Amino acid sequence: GVVASDDGLHVATSVSIIEWFLNFYEAAREEGECQPRECVVEAGEVIFVPRGWWHLVVNLEESVAITQNYVSRANLKQVLEYIEKPELVSGCPVEQRGTLHARFRSALGDRKPALLESVEGGG
């Protein structure tokens, strides 16, 4: 139902979430290797989706959703590697994507230099 290229630059997926449910959902539930997790998140609740988990959302009623990418010590190295590739970056203006890595790294170096050093191999 969802296939990423080896370099992570391209993803082949269904045209819509409904199409994915109609064509792949039952197979995903039966395969056993990666069982889907399902939940209903109520107003005011938060859900954390770990890095690398494919996920989708179906709103059961009119909703406002706020999403945020979370960077911690545990995933900082992977985030820095990911945002080095402007073609993978989304959620900011196109003209900022090419400089996001340098700007993020600079801000991190200013505010948390020991942390930056630790993920870049110095600690």
N, C-alpha and C. Protein backbone atom coordinates (compact mmCIF):
# COMPACT_ATOMS: atom_id res chain seq x y z
N GLY A 1 0.78 -1.20 0.00
CA GLY A 1 0.00 0.00 0.00
C GLY A 1 0.83 1.27 0.00
N VAL A 2 2.00 1.24 0.67
CA VAL A 2 2.91 2.39 0.70
C VAL A 2 4.32 1.84 0.51
N VAL A 3 5.02 2.36 -0.49
CA VAL A 3 6.37 1.87 -0.78
C VAL A 3 7.30 3.06 -0.94
N ALA A 4 8.36 3.09 -0.14
CA ALA A 4 9.35 4.17 -0.24
C ALA A 4 10.54 3.67 -1.06
N SER A 5 11.15 4.58 -1.83
CA SER A 5 12.36 4.24 -2.57
C SER A 5 13.51 4.05 -1.58
N ASP A 6 14.56 3.35 -2.01
CA ASP A 6 15.69 3.09 -1.14
C ASP A 6 16.32 4.36 -0.58
N ASP A 7 16.34 5.42 -1.36
CA ASP A 7 16.96 6.67 -0.90
C ASP A 7 15.98 7.56 -0.13
N GLY A 8 14.72 7.15 -0.02
CA GLY A 8 13.74 7.91 0.73
C GLY A 8 13.19 9.13 0.01
N LEU A 9 13.61 9.34 -1.23
CA LEU A 9 13.18 10.54 -1.96
C LEU A 9 11.78 10.43 -2.53
N HIS A 10 11.32 9.21 -2.76
CA HIS A 10 10.02 9.02 -3.40
C HIS A 10 9.19 8.01 -2.63
N VAL A 11 7.90 8.25 -2.60
CA VAL A 11 6.97 7.34 -1.95
C VAL A 11 5.82 7.09 -2.91
N ALA A 12 5.54 5.82 -3.14
CA ALA A 12 4.37 5.44 -3.94
C ALA A 12 3.27 5.04 -2.96
N THR A 13 2.11 5.64 -3.14
CA THR A 13 1.00 5.36 -2.24
C THR A 13 -0.31 5.51 -2.99
N SER A 14 -1.37 5.13 -2.34
CA SER A 14 -2.70 5.29 -2.92
C SER A 14 -3.00 6.77 -3.11
N VAL A 15 -3.94 7.05 -3.99
CA VAL A 15 -4.34 8.43 -4.25
C VAL A 15 -4.99 9.05 -3.02
N SER A 16 -5.74 8.26 -2.27
CA SER A 16 -6.45 8.79 -1.10
C SER A 16 -6.41 7.77 0.03
N ILE A 17 -6.71 8.24 1.23
CA ILE A 17 -6.77 7.35 2.39
C ILE A 17 -7.87 6.31 2.20
N ILE A 18 -9.00 6.72 1.66
CA ILE A 18 -10.10 5.78 1.43
C ILE A 18 -9.67 4.68 0.47
N GLU A 19 -8.95 5.04 -0.59
CA GLU A 19 -8.45 4.03 -1.53
C GLU A 19 -7.54 3.05 -0.81
N TRP A 20 -6.68 3.55 0.08
CA TRP A 20 -5.79 2.65 0.83
C TRP A 20 -6.61 1.70 1.69
N PHE A 21 -7.62 2.23 2.39
CA PHE A 21 -8.46 1.36 3.22
C PHE A 21 -9.15 0.30 2.39
N LEU A 22 -9.69 0.68 1.24
CA LEU A 22 -10.40 -0.28 0.40
C LEU A 22 -9.49 -1.36 -0.17
N ASN A 23 -8.25 -1.00 -0.52
CA ASN A 23 -7.37 -1.93 -1.23
C ASN A 23 -6.29 -2.60 -0.39
N PHE A 24 -5.91 -2.04 0.75
CA PHE A 24 -4.76 -2.57 1.47
C PHE A 24 -4.98 -2.83 2.96
N TYR A 25 -5.99 -2.26 3.54
CA TYR A 25 -6.18 -2.34 4.98
C TYR A 25 -6.31 -3.77 5.49
N GLU A 26 -7.18 -4.55 4.90
CA GLU A 26 -7.36 -5.94 5.37
C GLU A 26 -6.07 -6.73 5.26
N ALA A 27 -5.34 -6.57 4.16
CA ALA A 27 -4.07 -7.28 4.00
C ALA A 27 -3.07 -6.84 5.07
N ALA A 28 -3.04 -5.56 5.38
CA ALA A 28 -2.12 -5.07 6.41
C ALA A 28 -2.46 -5.66 7.77
N ARG A 29 -3.73 -5.83 8.05
CA ARG A 29 -4.15 -6.42 9.33
C ARG A 29 -3.80 -7.90 9.40
N GLU A 30 -3.79 -8.60 8.27
CA GLU A 30 -3.59 -10.04 8.25
C GLU A 30 -2.14 -10.47 8.10
N GLU A 31 -1.27 -9.59 7.61
CA GLU A 31 0.11 -9.98 7.33
C GLU A 31 0.87 -10.38 8.58
N GLY A 32 0.61 -9.77 9.71
CA GLY A 32 1.24 -10.19 10.94
C GLY A 32 2.57 -9.52 11.24
N GLU A 33 3.34 -9.14 10.22
CA GLU A 33 4.66 -8.55 10.47
C GLU A 33 4.54 -7.18 11.13
N CYS A 34 3.68 -6.35 10.60
CA CYS A 34 3.47 -5.00 11.14
C CYS A 34 1.98 -4.79 11.32
N GLN A 35 1.49 -5.07 12.48
CA GLN A 35 0.07 -4.91 12.75
C GLN A 35 -0.29 -3.44 12.92
N PRO A 36 -1.34 -2.99 12.26
CA PRO A 36 -1.78 -1.60 12.46
C PRO A 36 -2.19 -1.37 13.91
N ARG A 37 -1.94 -0.20 14.40
CA ARG A 37 -2.41 0.24 15.72
C ARG A 37 -3.52 1.25 15.46
N GLU A 38 -4.60 1.11 16.16
CA GLU A 38 -5.73 2.01 15.96
C GLU A 38 -6.16 2.60 17.29
N CYS A 39 -6.57 3.85 17.24
CA CYS A 39 -7.09 4.49 18.45
C CYS A 39 -7.97 5.67 18.05
N VAL A 40 -8.76 6.11 18.98
CA VAL A 40 -9.54 7.34 18.81
C VAL A 40 -8.95 8.34 19.79
N VAL A 41 -8.52 9.47 19.27
CA VAL A 41 -7.97 10.53 20.09
C VAL A 41 -9.08 11.56 20.31
N GLU A 42 -9.40 11.78 21.55
CA GLU A 42 -10.49 12.70 21.90
C GLU A 42 -9.99 14.14 21.99
N ALA A 43 -10.90 15.07 22.02
CA ALA A 43 -10.56 16.49 22.12
C ALA A 43 -9.63 16.72 23.31
N GLY A 44 -8.54 17.45 23.07
CA GLY A 44 -7.59 17.76 24.12
C GLY A 44 -6.51 16.72 24.34
N GLU A 45 -6.62 15.57 23.71
CA GLU A 45 -5.62 14.52 23.87
C GLU A 45 -4.52 14.67 22.83
N VAL A 46 -3.40 14.02 23.09
CA VAL A 46 -2.23 14.07 22.22
C VAL A 46 -1.79 12.64 21.94
N ILE A 47 -1.31 12.40 20.73
CA ILE A 47 -0.73 11.10 20.41
C ILE A 47 0.67 11.34 19.85
N PHE A 48 1.61 10.48 20.24
CA PHE A 48 2.98 10.55 19.75
C PHE A 48 3.19 9.42 18.75
N VAL A 49 3.63 9.76 17.56
CA VAL A 49 3.93 8.76 16.53
C VAL A 49 5.45 8.74 16.36
N PRO A 50 6.10 7.62 16.70
CA PRO A 50 7.57 7.56 16.63
C PRO A 50 8.11 7.76 15.21
N ARG A 51 9.34 8.22 15.14
CA ARG A 51 10.03 8.43 13.87
C ARG A 51 10.00 7.13 13.06
N GLY A 52 9.69 7.27 11.79
CA GLY A 52 9.72 6.12 10.90
C GLY A 52 8.42 5.34 10.82
N TRP A 53 7.45 5.64 11.65
CA TRP A 53 6.17 4.93 11.61
C TRP A 53 5.29 5.55 10.53
N TRP A 54 4.83 4.73 9.60
CA TRP A 54 3.83 5.18 8.64
C TRP A 54 2.54 5.35 9.41
N HIS A 55 1.81 6.40 9.11
CA HIS A 55 0.57 6.63 9.83
C HIS A 55 -0.41 7.41 8.96
N LEU A 56 -1.65 7.34 9.35
CA LEU A 56 -2.69 8.12 8.69
C LEU A 56 -3.72 8.51 9.73
N VAL A 57 -4.50 9.49 9.38
CA VAL A 57 -5.52 10.01 10.29
C VAL A 57 -6.84 10.08 9.54
N VAL A 58 -7.89 9.62 10.17
CA VAL A 58 -9.25 9.79 9.66
C VAL A 58 -10.02 10.57 10.71
N ASN A 59 -10.48 11.75 10.35
CA ASN A 59 -11.28 12.55 11.28
C ASN A 59 -12.71 12.01 11.27
N LEU A 60 -13.23 11.71 12.44
CA LEU A 60 -14.58 11.16 12.57
C LEU A 60 -15.64 12.26 12.61
N GLU A 61 -15.21 13.48 12.82
CA GLU A 61 -16.11 14.63 12.81
C GLU A 61 -15.26 15.85 12.45
N GLU A 62 -15.91 17.01 12.27
CA GLU A 62 -15.13 18.21 11.97
C GLU A 62 -14.11 18.41 13.07
N SER A 63 -12.87 18.66 12.67
CA SER A 63 -11.77 18.71 13.64
C SER A 63 -10.74 19.75 13.26
N VAL A 64 -10.01 20.18 14.25
CA VAL A 64 -8.81 20.97 14.03
C VAL A 64 -7.67 20.14 14.59
N ALA A 65 -6.69 19.85 13.76
CA ALA A 65 -5.55 19.05 14.19
C ALA A 65 -4.30 19.90 14.10
N ILE A 66 -3.48 19.81 15.11
CA ILE A 66 -2.19 20.50 15.12
C ILE A 66 -1.12 19.43 15.15
N THR A 67 -0.26 19.43 14.15
CA THR A 67 0.81 18.44 14.12
C THR A 67 2.15 19.13 14.32
N GLN A 68 3.08 18.42 14.88
CA GLN A 68 4.39 18.97 15.17
C GLN A 68 5.43 17.87 15.03
N ASN A 69 6.56 18.19 14.46
CA ASN A 69 7.67 17.25 14.42
C ASN A 69 8.50 17.47 15.67
N TYR A 70 8.83 16.37 16.35
CA TYR A 70 9.52 16.43 17.63
C TYR A 70 10.97 15.99 17.44
N VAL A 71 11.89 16.83 17.88
CA VAL A 71 13.31 16.50 17.81
C VAL A 71 13.82 16.37 19.24
N SER A 72 14.42 15.23 19.55
CA SER A 72 14.98 14.99 20.88
C SER A 72 16.42 14.51 20.72
N ARG A 73 17.08 14.31 21.83
CA ARG A 73 18.44 13.74 21.79
C ARG A 73 18.44 12.40 21.06
N ALA A 74 17.37 11.64 21.24
CA ALA A 74 17.30 10.29 20.68
C ALA A 74 17.24 10.28 19.15
N ASN A 75 16.64 11.30 18.54
CA ASN A 75 16.50 11.28 17.08
C ASN A 75 17.22 12.44 16.39
N LEU A 76 17.98 13.22 17.13
CA LEU A 76 18.63 14.41 16.57
C LEU A 76 19.54 14.08 15.39
N LYS A 77 20.34 13.04 15.52
CA LYS A 77 21.26 12.69 14.42
C LYS A 77 20.48 12.40 13.14
N GLN A 78 19.40 11.62 13.24
CA GLN A 78 18.60 11.28 12.07
C GLN A 78 17.91 12.51 11.50
N VAL A 79 17.45 13.41 12.35
CA VAL A 79 16.81 14.64 11.88
C VAL A 79 17.81 15.49 11.11
N LEU A 80 19.01 15.66 11.65
CA LEU A 80 20.03 16.44 10.95
C LEU A 80 20.36 15.84 9.59
N GLU A 81 20.47 14.51 9.53
CA GLU A 81 20.74 13.84 8.25
C GLU A 81 19.59 14.05 7.28
N TYR A 82 18.37 13.96 7.76
CA TYR A 82 17.19 14.09 6.92
C TYR A 82 17.07 15.49 6.33
N ILE A 83 17.23 16.51 7.17
CA ILE A 83 17.02 17.87 6.67
C ILE A 83 18.21 18.39 5.87
N GLU A 84 19.27 17.60 5.76
CA GLU A 84 20.36 17.95 4.84
C GLU A 84 19.90 17.85 3.39
N LYS A 85 18.81 17.11 3.16
CA LYS A 85 18.29 16.88 1.81
C LYS A 85 17.05 17.76 1.62
N PRO A 86 17.22 18.92 1.01
CA PRO A 86 16.09 19.86 0.88
C PRO A 86 14.88 19.24 0.19
N GLU A 87 15.11 18.28 -0.70
CA GLU A 87 13.99 17.67 -1.42
C GLU A 87 13.10 16.83 -0.51
N LEU A 88 13.58 16.50 0.70
CA LEU A 88 12.77 15.75 1.66
C LEU A 88 12.01 16.66 2.63
N VAL A 89 12.42 17.91 2.71
CA VAL A 89 11.85 18.84 3.68
C VAL A 89 10.49 19.34 3.20
N SER A 90 9.55 19.39 4.11
CA SER A 90 8.25 19.99 3.83
C SER A 90 7.83 20.79 5.05
N GLY A 91 6.75 21.51 4.92
CA GLY A 91 6.23 22.26 6.05
C GLY A 91 6.85 23.63 6.23
N CYS A 92 7.68 24.04 5.28
CA CYS A 92 8.20 25.41 5.30
C CYS A 92 8.29 25.87 3.85
N PRO A 93 8.38 27.17 3.63
CA PRO A 93 8.42 27.66 2.25
C PRO A 93 9.57 27.03 1.46
N VAL A 94 9.31 26.76 0.19
CA VAL A 94 10.29 26.11 -0.68
C VAL A 94 11.63 26.82 -0.63
N GLU A 95 11.62 28.15 -0.63
CA GLU A 95 12.88 28.90 -0.66
C GLU A 95 13.69 28.74 0.64
N GLN A 96 13.09 28.23 1.71
CA GLN A 96 13.80 28.02 2.97
C GLN A 96 14.33 26.60 3.13
N ARG A 97 13.88 25.69 2.30
CA ARG A 97 14.23 24.29 2.48
C ARG A 97 15.72 24.02 2.31
N GLY A 98 16.36 24.72 1.39
CA GLY A 98 17.78 24.51 1.14
C GLY A 98 18.68 25.00 2.26
N THR A 99 18.17 25.89 3.10
CA THR A 99 18.99 26.45 4.18
C THR A 99 18.55 25.95 5.56
N LEU A 100 17.52 25.13 5.62
CA LEU A 100 17.00 24.68 6.91
C LEU A 100 18.07 23.97 7.73
N HIS A 101 18.81 23.06 7.11
CA HIS A 101 19.83 22.31 7.85
C HIS A 101 20.85 23.25 8.47
N ALA A 102 21.39 24.16 7.69
CA ALA A 102 22.42 25.07 8.20
C ALA A 102 21.86 25.97 9.31
N ARG A 103 20.64 26.46 9.13
CA ARG A 103 20.04 27.33 10.13
C ARG A 103 19.74 26.58 11.43
N PHE A 104 19.23 25.35 11.29
CA PHE A 104 18.92 24.54 12.48
C PHE A 104 20.21 24.18 13.21
N ARG A 105 21.22 23.76 12.46
CA ARG A 105 22.51 23.39 13.05
C ARG A 105 23.15 24.59 13.75
N SER A 106 23.07 25.75 13.13
CA SER A 106 23.63 26.97 13.72
C SER A 106 22.92 27.31 15.03
N ALA A 107 21.60 27.26 15.04
CA ALA A 107 20.84 27.55 16.26
C ALA A 107 21.16 26.54 17.35
N LEU A 108 21.28 25.29 16.97
CA LEU A 108 21.63 24.25 17.93
C LEU A 108 23.03 24.48 18.49
N GLY A 109 23.97 24.84 17.62
CA GLY A 109 25.33 25.13 18.06
C GLY A 109 25.39 26.31 19.01
N ASP A 110 24.55 27.31 18.79
CA ASP A 110 24.51 28.48 19.67
C ASP A 110 23.92 28.15 21.04
N ARG A 111 22.88 27.31 21.05
CA ARG A 111 22.14 27.07 22.28
C ARG A 111 22.54 25.79 23.01
N LYS A 112 22.94 24.77 22.27
CA LYS A 112 23.28 23.46 22.86
C LYS A 112 24.53 22.90 22.18
N PRO A 113 25.67 23.58 22.29
CA PRO A 113 26.86 23.14 21.56
C PRO A 113 27.33 21.74 21.94
N ALA A 114 27.22 21.36 23.20
CA ALA A 114 27.66 20.02 23.61
C ALA A 114 26.78 18.95 22.98
N LEU A 115 25.51 19.21 22.87
CA LEU A 115 24.59 18.26 22.23
C LEU A 115 24.93 18.10 20.76
N LEU A 116 25.15 19.21 20.07
CA LEU A 116 25.52 19.14 18.66
C LEU A 116 26.82 18.37 18.49
N GLU A 117 27.80 18.65 19.32
CA GLU A 117 29.09 17.95 19.26
C GLU A 117 28.90 16.45 19.49
N SER A 118 28.02 16.08 20.40
CA SER A 118 27.82 14.66 20.70
C SER A 118 27.23 13.89 19.52
N VAL A 119 26.35 14.52 18.75
CA VAL A 119 25.76 13.81 17.61
C VAL A 119 26.64 13.86 16.37
N GLU A 120 27.58 14.78 16.35
CA GLU A 120 28.48 14.88 15.20
C GLU A 120 29.77 14.11 15.43
N GLY A 121 29.79 13.27 16.46
CA GLY A 121 30.91 12.37 16.65
C GLY A 121 31.95 12.79 17.66
N GLY A 122 31.75 13.89 18.34
CA GLY A 122 32.75 14.33 19.29
C GLY A 122 32.49 13.92 20.72
N GLY A 123 31.44 13.18 20.98
CA GLY A 123 31.14 12.85 22.37
C GLY A 123 30.24 11.73 22.43
